[in-house]
Amino acid sequence: MSNYDSQWKEQFSNAYLLAITSQAGWKIASWNVDKDLMDATIETKIEFTDGRYKSHKVDLQLKCTDSPVTNTEKFISYQICKEHIEHIKKRVLSDPFYFILIHVPKEKEKWVEHIKENIDFNTILRNCGFHYEIISSNMNELKPTLQFQKNSIFSAEFLKNSISEFDTFEKYREYLNQRMKINT
């Protein structure tokens, strides 16, 4: 393992995030440093049926690993620093906040592959990113080992579905009111 291993994983995490948000049509506000346990804030515009619109933001903490604590058929477990968990428990969450775990092969050369099919080439990012939402109602239950469900894939489809219910401003306002009730 190289001294640069964590830097390479950080860069791959950023590339994965850029690929997914680009496909979904979201913007990224990346931070040069891990700011308050946030690697990036992503944003999209929600357009309501009455013509109004609202900017919607999501905060992300990115983690990349080739060796999770456990990797089963349903879960990938990942160890989070105990101090980070304690810090997160003190946050007031007005915007959604997710840990994104990008699981990569051990061999760095397999993280990105170019495969020729007929006359075209395909670029494949390996392996996958998974999301785990931190919400106020589960903060007290947070433990240093997070269980990422393998069906919770961080994808363009996930981002689009996360806002699909907000066709009216009233529904979005109710969503915000519920978030703030949970956070107090």
Protein backbone atom coordinates (compact mmCIF):
# COMPACT_ATOMS: atom_id res chain seq x y z
CA MET A 1 0.00 0.00 0.00
CA SER A 2 1.30 3.41 -0.94
CA ASN A 3 1.48 6.49 1.26
CA TYR A 4 -0.81 8.08 -1.32
CA ASP A 5 -3.53 5.44 -1.01
CA SER A 6 -5.97 7.69 0.88
CA GLN A 7 -5.39 10.56 -1.58
CA TRP A 8 -6.12 8.29 -4.55
CA LYS A 9 -9.31 7.08 -2.87
CA GLU A 10 -10.34 10.66 -2.12
CA GLN A 11 -9.81 11.63 -5.75
CA PHE A 12 -11.75 8.59 -6.97
CA SER A 13 -14.61 9.49 -4.58
CA ASN A 14 -14.74 12.96 -6.11
CA ALA A 15 -14.75 11.48 -9.63
CA TYR A 16 -17.58 9.10 -8.68
CA LEU A 17 -19.57 11.98 -7.19
CA LEU A 18 -19.03 14.11 -10.29
CA ALA A 19 -20.14 11.27 -12.59
CA ILE A 20 -23.34 10.58 -10.63
CA THR A 21 -24.37 14.21 -10.12
CA SER A 22 -23.63 15.06 -13.76
CA GLN A 23 -25.87 12.22 -14.91
CA ALA A 24 -28.65 13.37 -12.54
CA GLY A 25 -28.32 17.06 -13.52
CA TRP A 26 -27.26 18.24 -10.06
CA LYS A 27 -24.53 20.78 -9.19
CA ILE A 28 -21.64 20.23 -6.80
CA ALA A 29 -20.21 22.69 -4.31
CA SER A 30 -17.02 20.87 -3.31
CA TRP A 31 -14.96 21.93 -0.35
CA ASN A 32 -11.17 22.07 -0.62
CA VAL A 33 -10.94 20.50 2.80
CA ASP A 34 -13.29 18.35 4.81
CA LYS A 35 -15.42 21.17 6.24
CA ASP A 36 -17.37 20.19 9.34
CA LEU A 37 -17.42 16.54 8.21
CA MET A 38 -18.74 17.56 4.81
CA ASP A 39 -16.88 16.80 1.62
CA ALA A 40 -19.46 18.34 -0.70
CA THR A 41 -22.87 19.90 -0.96
CA ILE A 42 -24.91 18.98 -4.01
CA GLU A 43 -27.80 21.01 -5.29
CA THR A 44 -30.65 20.84 -7.76
CA LYS A 45 -33.63 22.98 -8.69
CA ILE A 46 -37.09 21.63 -7.86
CA GLU A 47 -39.76 23.03 -10.18
CA PHE A 48 -43.29 23.02 -8.80
CA THR A 49 -46.47 22.61 -10.84
CA ASP A 50 -47.48 26.23 -10.19
CA GLY A 51 -44.31 27.55 -11.88
CA ARG A 52 -42.38 28.35 -8.72
CA TYR A 53 -39.05 26.68 -7.97
CA LYS A 54 -36.74 26.03 -5.05
CA SER A 55 -33.06 25.19 -4.72
CA HIS A 56 -32.65 21.87 -2.86
CA LYS A 57 -29.32 21.03 -1.16
CA VAL A 58 -27.88 17.80 0.21
CA ASP A 59 -24.67 17.53 2.30
CA LEU A 60 -22.33 14.60 1.74
CA GLN A 61 -19.46 12.93 3.55
CA LEU A 62 -17.54 10.70 1.13
CA LYS A 63 -15.65 7.59 2.15
CA CYS A 64 -13.80 5.20 -0.15
CA THR A 65 -12.60 1.76 0.81
CA ASP A 66 -11.25 -1.43 -0.69
CA SER A 67 -11.56 -3.27 2.60
CA PRO A 68 -14.82 -2.74 4.49
CA VAL A 69 -15.26 -4.22 7.96
CA THR A 70 -17.69 -6.78 6.50
CA ASN A 71 -19.10 -7.33 3.05
CA THR A 72 -22.16 -9.60 2.94
CA GLU A 73 -24.89 -10.18 0.41
CA LYS A 74 -27.06 -7.40 1.94
CA PHE A 75 -24.65 -5.03 3.73
CA ILE A 76 -21.27 -3.42 3.62
CA SER A 77 -20.08 -2.34 7.05
CA TYR A 78 -17.66 0.53 7.39
CA GLN A 79 -15.88 1.85 10.48
CA ILE A 80 -16.29 5.60 11.10
CA CYS A 81 -13.99 7.40 13.50
CA LYS A 82 -15.66 7.59 16.95
CA GLU A 83 -14.91 11.34 17.19
CA HIS A 84 -16.72 11.89 13.88
CA ILE A 85 -19.80 10.11 15.19
CA GLU A 86 -19.83 12.27 18.32
CA HIS A 87 -19.40 15.41 16.19
CA ILE A 88 -22.27 14.40 13.90
CA LYS A 89 -24.59 13.83 16.86
CA LYS A 90 -24.27 17.55 17.69
CA ARG A 91 -25.30 18.76 14.23
CA VAL A 92 -28.62 20.41 13.50
CA LEU A 93 -29.68 18.88 10.21
CA SER A 94 -31.76 21.29 8.19
CA ASP A 95 -30.57 19.78 4.88
CA PRO A 96 -30.35 16.05 4.17
CA PHE A 97 -26.96 14.60 5.16
CA TYR A 98 -25.57 11.36 3.73
CA PHE A 99 -22.48 9.27 4.17
CA ILE A 100 -21.52 7.94 0.75
CA LEU A 101 -19.34 4.83 0.80
CA ILE A 102 -17.58 4.06 -2.46
CA HIS A 103 -16.37 0.48 -2.50
CA VAL A 104 -13.47 -0.10 -4.92
CA PRO A 105 -11.40 -3.18 -5.87
CA LYS A 106 -8.11 -3.66 -4.01
CA GLU A 107 -6.16 -3.30 -7.26
CA LYS A 108 -6.20 0.39 -8.21
CA GLU A 109 -5.86 -0.55 -11.91
CA LYS A 110 -9.38 -2.06 -11.75
CA TRP A 111 -11.09 1.09 -10.40
CA VAL A 112 -11.65 2.33 -13.96
CA GLU A 113 -11.81 -0.02 -16.94
CA HIS A 114 -12.15 0.65 -20.66
CA ILE A 115 -13.86 -2.15 -22.52
CA LYS A 116 -14.18 -2.35 -26.30
CA GLU A 117 -17.52 -3.59 -27.61
CA ASN A 118 -17.72 -3.78 -31.39
CA ILE A 119 -16.48 -0.37 -32.55
CA ASP A 120 -17.24 1.48 -29.31
CA PHE A 121 -15.42 1.74 -26.00
CA ASN A 122 -17.12 1.80 -22.62
CA THR A 123 -15.65 3.27 -19.46
CA ILE A 124 -16.68 1.52 -16.27
CA LEU A 125 -16.16 2.81 -12.71
CA ARG A 126 -15.79 -0.03 -10.24
CA ASN A 127 -17.36 -1.01 -7.88
CA CYS A 128 -20.25 1.00 -6.43
CA GLY A 129 -21.30 3.82 -4.10
CA PHE A 130 -23.85 3.35 -1.33
CA HIS A 131 -25.72 5.95 0.72
CA TYR A 132 -26.61 6.09 4.40
CA GLU A 133 -28.76 9.01 5.52
CA ILE A 134 -28.07 10.58 8.88
CA ILE A 135 -31.31 11.93 10.33
CA SER A 136 -32.00 13.31 13.76
CA SER A 137 -34.20 10.38 14.71
CA ASN A 138 -31.31 7.93 14.22
CA MET A 139 -28.48 10.10 15.59
CA ASN A 140 -28.53 8.70 19.12
CA GLU A 141 -28.32 5.19 17.67
CA LEU A 142 -25.25 5.97 15.54
CA LYS A 143 -22.38 3.62 16.14
CA PRO A 144 -18.84 3.77 14.74
CA THR A 145 -19.66 0.94 12.32
CA LEU A 146 -22.26 1.99 9.76
CA GLN A 147 -24.27 -0.65 7.87
CA PHE A 148 -24.67 0.38 4.23
CA GLN A 149 -27.46 -1.60 2.57
CA LYS A 150 -26.38 -2.89 -0.83
CA ASN A 151 -29.72 -1.89 -2.32
CA SER A 152 -29.07 1.75 -1.26
CA ILE A 153 -27.02 2.65 -4.32
CA PHE A 154 -25.92 6.25 -4.69
CA SER A 155 -26.98 6.79 -8.29
CA ALA A 156 -28.57 9.36 -10.57
CA GLU A 157 -31.84 7.46 -10.18
CA PHE A 158 -31.60 7.77 -6.38
CA LEU A 159 -31.04 11.55 -6.63
CA LYS A 160 -33.96 12.00 -9.03
CA ASN A 161 -36.26 9.86 -6.87
CA SER A 162 -35.29 11.79 -3.73
CA ILE A 163 -37.11 14.88 -5.03
CA SER A 164 -39.80 13.28 -7.22
CA GLU A 165 -42.54 13.67 -4.60
CA PHE A 166 -42.15 17.46 -4.46
CA ASP A 167 -44.50 18.46 -7.26
CA THR A 168 -46.03 21.28 -5.20
CA PHE A 169 -44.45 23.84 -2.93
CA GLU A 170 -46.88 22.80 -0.18
CA LYS A 171 -45.47 19.24 -0.21
CA TYR A 172 -41.94 20.62 -0.06
CA ARG A 173 -42.85 22.97 2.79
CA GLU A 174 -44.37 20.04 4.72
CA TYR A 175 -41.15 18.07 4.13
CA LEU A 176 -39.11 20.98 5.54
CA ASN A 177 -41.45 21.34 8.53
CA GLN A 178 -41.08 17.61 9.29
CA ARG A 179 -37.26 17.86 9.07
CA MET A 180 -37.22 20.79 11.47
CA LYS A 181 -39.56 19.01 13.95
CA ILE A 182 -37.23 16.03 13.94
CA ASN A 183 -34.20 18.27 14.47
CA THR A 184 -35.44 20.12 17.53
